[in-house]
């Protein structure tokens, strides 16, 4: 394995993806909504839009409706909370947790979808296929160009989210309480699995379709998986505590192993040249 060739290919892919404004403009807006606007709306919304003197009463009503959905592990981790504090923990520390998984899926899918079909649209695919790099090196270079930036951007978004939650909720929480323990396996175990899922599926799809938009639309359907987690968490069907999160991540990694195996098995210069 020639790692110099792998990293050269990865850097080339990153430069080309950064230049694709059609892909990155929407990708910059969605994280802003998730990591900034969403927590601000959850924390400051009741105060800004409730009638004077009824804020706590309004939060208490919401808390009564959602009380049965709050996992017992969260109550043990942050005991003795007021109604206002319970609402902040429930909305920003519990319900919003799966939503941040959209970030690694989105970033890795965009880079992966641009990997081959973008080369084809830019008329550079044939030259790439005749480089001395092996198929494995080509594939690994595109994996690195997709997954590593996706994880770095996801963790940056997580850091910004934590700052917003703690700063906006300081007057109510009176302490730096976020992130809670259930967030660490979500970011360090599940997020890499989601990024790998987006990459492996999108690289496989992009090597078989004709346009970037087509590849992006097909890989966009993967969002249904994360939406399923969001709905399950919000309705109480699933509680992403530490053991459950580890199991969910294990399931994603198992799917990743199959998809990566298929991608490597089906990936070949001969098959790709026929589409160039």
Protein backbone atom coordinates (compact mmCIF):
# COMPACT_ATOMS: atom_id res chain seq x y z
CA UNK A 1 0.00 0.00 0.00
CA UNK A 2 1.51 3.30 -1.14
CA UNK A 3 0.25 5.74 1.51
CA UNK A 4 1.78 8.70 -0.32
CA UNK A 5 -0.46 7.95 -3.32
CA UNK A 6 -3.47 7.43 -1.03
CA UNK A 7 -3.04 10.79 0.68
CA UNK A 8 -2.40 12.56 -2.64
CA UNK A 9 -5.66 11.17 -3.99
CA UNK A 10 -7.49 12.13 -0.80
CA UNK A 11 -6.20 15.72 -0.93
CA UNK A 12 -7.18 16.00 -4.60
CA UNK A 13 -10.72 14.81 -3.80
CA UNK A 14 -11.02 17.29 -0.93
CA UNK A 15 -9.98 20.21 -3.14
CA UNK A 16 -12.56 19.28 -5.76
CA UNK A 17 -15.37 18.74 -3.25
CA UNK A 18 -14.70 22.16 -1.68
CA UNK A 19 -15.19 23.75 -5.09
CA UNK A 20 -18.63 22.17 -5.53
CA UNK A 21 -20.76 25.04 -4.18
CA UNK A 22 -24.01 23.33 -5.22
CA UNK A 23 -23.25 20.63 -2.66
CA UNK A 24 -21.77 22.65 0.18
CA UNK A 25 -24.16 25.61 0.41
CA UNK A 26 -27.07 23.41 1.66
CA UNK A 27 -24.59 21.45 3.77
CA UNK A 28 -23.58 24.65 5.56
CA UNK A 29 -27.16 25.73 6.29
CA UNK A 30 -28.45 22.48 7.85
CA UNK A 31 -25.68 22.25 10.51
CA UNK A 32 -26.34 25.87 11.48
CA UNK A 33 -29.98 25.01 12.11
CA UNK A 34 -29.15 21.88 14.11
CA UNK A 35 -26.27 23.13 16.27
CA UNK A 36 -27.34 26.77 16.82
CA UNK A 37 -30.96 27.57 16.03
CA UNK A 38 -32.48 24.35 17.37
CA UNK A 39 -30.99 24.54 20.91
CA UNK A 40 -31.70 28.28 21.08
CA UNK A 41 -35.33 27.68 20.15
CA UNK A 42 -35.68 24.92 22.75
CA UNK A 43 -34.06 26.91 25.56
CA UNK A 44 -35.19 30.47 24.86
CA UNK A 45 -38.49 29.74 23.11
CA UNK A 46 -40.61 29.26 26.25
CA UNK A 47 -39.24 32.50 27.73
CA UNK A 48 -39.66 34.58 24.58
CA UNK A 49 -43.09 33.39 23.52
CA UNK A 50 -44.85 32.66 26.79
CA UNK A 51 -47.01 35.28 28.45
CA UNK A 52 -45.44 37.16 31.33
CA UNK A 53 -45.61 35.14 34.53
CA UNK A 54 -46.67 31.92 32.79
CA UNK A 55 -43.30 30.70 31.53
CA UNK A 56 -42.67 28.15 34.27
CA UNK A 57 -46.30 27.07 34.15
CA UNK A 58 -46.03 26.52 30.37
CA UNK A 59 -42.84 24.55 30.73
CA UNK A 60 -44.44 22.49 33.48
CA UNK A 61 -47.29 21.58 31.14
CA UNK A 62 -44.88 20.47 28.44
CA UNK A 63 -42.90 18.51 31.01
CA UNK A 64 -46.05 16.72 32.20
CA UNK A 65 -46.74 15.54 28.65
CA UNK A 66 -43.16 14.40 28.02
CA UNK A 67 -42.31 13.12 31.51
CA UNK A 68 -42.93 9.49 30.64
CA UNK A 69 -40.50 9.73 27.70
CA UNK A 70 -37.53 10.91 29.77
CA UNK A 71 -35.22 7.96 30.36
CA UNK A 72 -34.59 6.90 33.95
CA UNK A 73 -30.83 7.11 33.38
CA UNK A 74 -31.14 10.84 32.70
CA UNK A 75 -33.09 11.38 35.92
CA UNK A 76 -30.33 9.59 37.83
CA UNK A 77 -27.61 11.64 36.12
CA UNK A 78 -29.25 15.02 36.81
CA UNK A 79 -31.44 14.60 39.90
CA UNK A 80 -33.47 17.32 41.61
CA UNK A 81 -34.26 19.39 38.54
CA UNK A 82 -36.89 22.09 38.36
CA UNK A 83 -39.53 22.05 35.63
CA UNK A 84 -37.55 24.57 33.54
CA UNK A 85 -34.33 22.60 33.96
CA UNK A 86 -36.06 19.34 33.11
CA UNK A 87 -37.37 20.87 29.86
CA UNK A 88 -33.88 22.00 28.81
CA UNK A 89 -32.36 18.60 29.56
CA UNK A 90 -35.17 16.77 27.79
CA UNK A 91 -35.25 18.95 24.66
CA UNK A 92 -31.52 19.60 24.10
CA UNK A 93 -29.90 16.62 25.82
CA UNK A 94 -32.35 13.87 24.88
CA UNK A 95 -34.63 14.61 21.93
CA UNK A 96 -31.96 16.40 19.87
CA UNK A 97 -29.31 13.70 20.29
CA UNK A 98 -30.01 11.70 17.09
CA UNK A 99 -30.33 14.88 15.04
CA UNK A 100 -26.58 15.51 15.22
CA UNK A 101 -26.09 12.18 13.45
CA UNK A 102 -27.37 13.91 10.33
CA UNK A 103 -24.05 15.79 10.17
CA UNK A 104 -21.64 12.88 9.56
CA UNK A 105 -24.13 11.28 7.16
CA UNK A 106 -24.54 14.50 5.20
CA UNK A 107 -20.85 15.41 4.99
CA UNK A 108 -19.60 11.92 4.08
CA UNK A 109 -22.40 11.40 1.54
CA UNK A 110 -21.60 14.67 -0.26
CA UNK A 111 -17.90 13.87 -0.51
CA UNK A 112 -18.58 10.27 -1.48
CA UNK A 113 -21.18 11.19 -4.10
CA UNK A 114 -18.74 13.63 -5.67
CA UNK A 115 -15.94 11.06 -5.71
CA UNK A 116 -16.52 9.37 -9.05
CA UNK A 117 -19.49 11.03 -10.68
CA UNK A 118 -17.88 14.42 -10.02
CA UNK A 119 -14.75 13.20 -11.80
CA UNK A 120 -16.91 12.13 -14.72
CA UNK A 121 -18.68 15.48 -14.97
CA UNK A 122 -15.36 17.34 -14.79
CA UNK A 123 -13.93 15.07 -17.51
CA UNK A 124 -11.07 13.97 -15.25
CA UNK A 125 -12.16 10.40 -14.50
CA UNK A 126 -10.29 8.74 -17.36
CA UNK A 127 -7.00 10.38 -16.37
CA UNK A 128 -7.55 9.27 -12.76
CA UNK A 129 -8.16 5.66 -13.81
CA UNK A 130 -4.83 5.54 -15.64
CA UNK A 131 -2.78 6.64 -12.63
CA UNK A 132 -0.30 4.07 -11.26
CA UNK A 133 -2.31 3.80 -8.01
CA UNK A 134 -3.99 0.45 -7.39
CA UNK A 135 -7.77 0.03 -7.10
CA UNK A 136 -7.39 -0.38 -3.33
CA UNK A 137 -5.39 2.86 -3.10
CA UNK A 138 -7.97 4.73 -5.19
CA UNK A 139 -10.78 3.46 -3.01
CA UNK A 140 -8.97 4.16 0.27
CA UNK A 141 -8.10 7.69 -0.87
CA UNK A 142 -11.77 8.41 -1.45
CA UNK A 143 -12.67 6.85 1.91
CA UNK A 144 -10.27 9.17 3.72
CA UNK A 145 -11.50 12.18 1.74
CA UNK A 146 -15.07 11.38 2.81
CA UNK A 147 -14.96 10.05 6.37
CA UNK A 148 -12.19 12.06 8.04
CA UNK A 149 -13.52 15.55 7.13
CA UNK A 150 -17.06 14.38 7.96
CA UNK A 151 -15.99 13.36 11.46
CA UNK A 152 -13.97 16.53 12.06
CA UNK A 153 -16.88 18.73 10.97
CA UNK A 154 -19.30 16.66 13.08
CA UNK A 155 -17.16 17.01 16.19
CA UNK A 156 -16.79 20.73 15.51
CA UNK A 157 -20.59 20.97 15.28
CA UNK A 158 -20.89 19.01 18.53
CA UNK A 159 -18.53 21.45 20.25
CA UNK A 160 -20.54 24.45 18.99
CA UNK A 161 -23.78 22.75 20.09
CA UNK A 162 -22.35 22.19 23.58
CA UNK A 163 -21.28 25.83 23.86
CA UNK A 164 -24.70 27.10 22.72
CA UNK A 165 -26.59 24.78 25.08
CA UNK A 166 -24.51 25.68 28.12
CA UNK A 167 -24.39 29.42 27.44
CA UNK A 168 -28.08 29.81 26.52
CA UNK A 169 -29.19 27.64 29.44
CA UNK A 170 -26.84 29.06 32.07
CA UNK A 171 -29.46 31.24 33.80
CA UNK A 172 -31.67 28.19 34.28
CA UNK A 173 -29.18 25.35 34.81
CA UNK A 174 -26.64 27.38 36.85
CA UNK A 175 -23.85 25.03 35.71
CA UNK A 176 -22.10 23.49 32.74
CA UNK A 177 -24.14 20.31 32.45
CA UNK A 178 -23.78 19.36 28.79
CA UNK A 179 -22.65 16.96 27.34
CA UNK A 180 -24.09 14.14 29.42
CA UNK A 181 -22.51 10.68 29.41
CA UNK A 182 -24.84 9.26 26.76
CA UNK A 183 -23.50 11.76 24.19
CA UNK A 184 -19.93 10.46 24.21
CA UNK A 185 -20.59 7.01 22.67
CA UNK A 186 -22.98 8.73 20.26
CA UNK A 187 -20.23 11.02 18.97
CA UNK A 188 -17.24 8.68 19.28
CA UNK A 189 -18.84 5.34 18.33
CA UNK A 190 -22.05 5.90 16.36
CA UNK A 191 -21.02 9.04 14.41
CA UNK A 192 -17.98 7.32 12.78
CA UNK A 193 -20.23 4.38 11.86
CA UNK A 194 -22.77 6.76 10.28
CA UNK A 195 -20.01 8.57 8.37
CA UNK A 196 -18.68 5.26 7.07
CA UNK A 197 -22.21 4.25 6.08
CA UNK A 198 -22.68 7.44 4.08
CA UNK A 199 -19.29 7.09 2.44
CA UNK A 200 -19.55 3.41 1.48
CA UNK A 201 -23.05 3.75 0.06
CA UNK A 202 -22.34 6.98 -1.81
CA UNK A 203 -19.02 5.84 -3.30
CA UNK A 204 -20.72 2.68 -4.55
CA UNK A 205 -23.64 4.65 -5.99
CA UNK A 206 -21.50 7.39 -7.53
CA UNK A 207 -19.46 4.84 -9.45
CA UNK A 208 -22.64 3.60 -11.13
CA UNK A 209 -24.65 6.75 -11.94
CA UNK A 210 -24.19 9.55 -14.47
CA UNK A 211 -24.59 12.85 -12.56
CA UNK A 212 -23.77 14.26 -9.17
CA UNK A 213 -27.39 15.26 -8.55
CA UNK A 214 -28.53 11.71 -9.20
CA UNK A 215 -25.94 10.33 -6.81
CA UNK A 216 -26.85 12.89 -4.15
CA UNK A 217 -30.56 12.09 -4.42
CA UNK A 218 -29.95 8.37 -4.02
CA UNK A 219 -27.61 8.80 -1.04
CA UNK A 220 -30.04 11.31 0.48
CA UNK A 221 -32.45 8.46 1.10
CA UNK A 222 -30.09 7.28 3.86
CA UNK A 223 -31.47 10.12 5.98
CA UNK A 224 -34.49 7.87 6.62
CA UNK A 225 -32.29 5.76 8.90
CA UNK A 226 -31.42 8.72 11.12
CA UNK A 227 -35.00 9.99 11.01
CA UNK A 228 -36.06 6.60 12.34
CA UNK A 229 -33.76 7.08 15.34
CA UNK A 230 -35.12 10.61 15.91
CA UNK A 231 -38.74 9.40 15.85
CA UNK A 232 -37.96 6.41 18.06
CA UNK A 233 -36.20 8.64 20.59
CA UNK A 234 -38.96 11.29 20.57
CA UNK A 235 -41.76 8.77 21.03
CA UNK A 236 -40.01 6.80 23.75
CA UNK A 237 -39.69 3.64 21.66
CA UNK A 238 -35.91 3.89 21.96
CA UNK A 239 -33.80 5.48 24.68
CA UNK A 240 -30.26 6.21 23.57
CA UNK A 241 -28.56 5.57 26.88
CA UNK A 242 -24.99 4.26 26.87
CA UNK A 243 -25.71 0.49 26.46
CA UNK A 244 -28.36 1.06 23.77
CA UNK A 245 -26.12 3.53 21.93
CA UNK A 246 -23.28 1.01 21.89
CA UNK A 247 -25.61 -1.64 20.46
CA UNK A 248 -26.97 0.76 17.83
CA UNK A 249 -23.41 1.64 16.83
CA UNK A 250 -22.51 -2.05 16.61
CA UNK A 251 -25.44 -2.56 14.25
CA UNK A 252 -24.29 0.29 12.03
CA UNK A 253 -20.72 -1.03 11.98
CA UNK A 254 -22.02 -4.46 10.91
CA UNK A 255 -23.88 -2.85 7.99
CA UNK A 256 -20.76 -0.82 7.18
CA UNK A 257 -18.65 -3.96 6.99
CA UNK A 258 -21.02 -5.46 4.41
CA UNK A 259 -21.23 -2.26 2.34
CA UNK A 260 -17.46 -1.69 2.36
CA UNK A 261 -16.90 -5.32 1.36
CA UNK A 262 -19.36 -4.95 -1.53
CA UNK A 263 -17.83 -1.61 -2.54
CA UNK A 264 -14.32 -3.07 -2.68
CA UNK A 265 -15.53 -6.21 -4.43
CA UNK A 266 -17.50 -4.34 -7.10
CA UNK A 267 -15.03 -1.48 -7.45
CA UNK A 268 -12.76 -1.95 -10.46
CA UNK A 269 -11.19 0.16 -13.17
CA UNK A 270 -12.85 -1.94 -15.86
CA UNK A 271 -16.37 -1.35 -14.57
CA UNK A 272 -15.73 2.35 -14.02
CA UNK A 273 -14.08 2.91 -17.42
CA UNK A 274 -17.21 1.73 -19.19
CA UNK A 275 -19.06 4.63 -17.52
CA UNK A 276 -16.38 7.24 -18.14
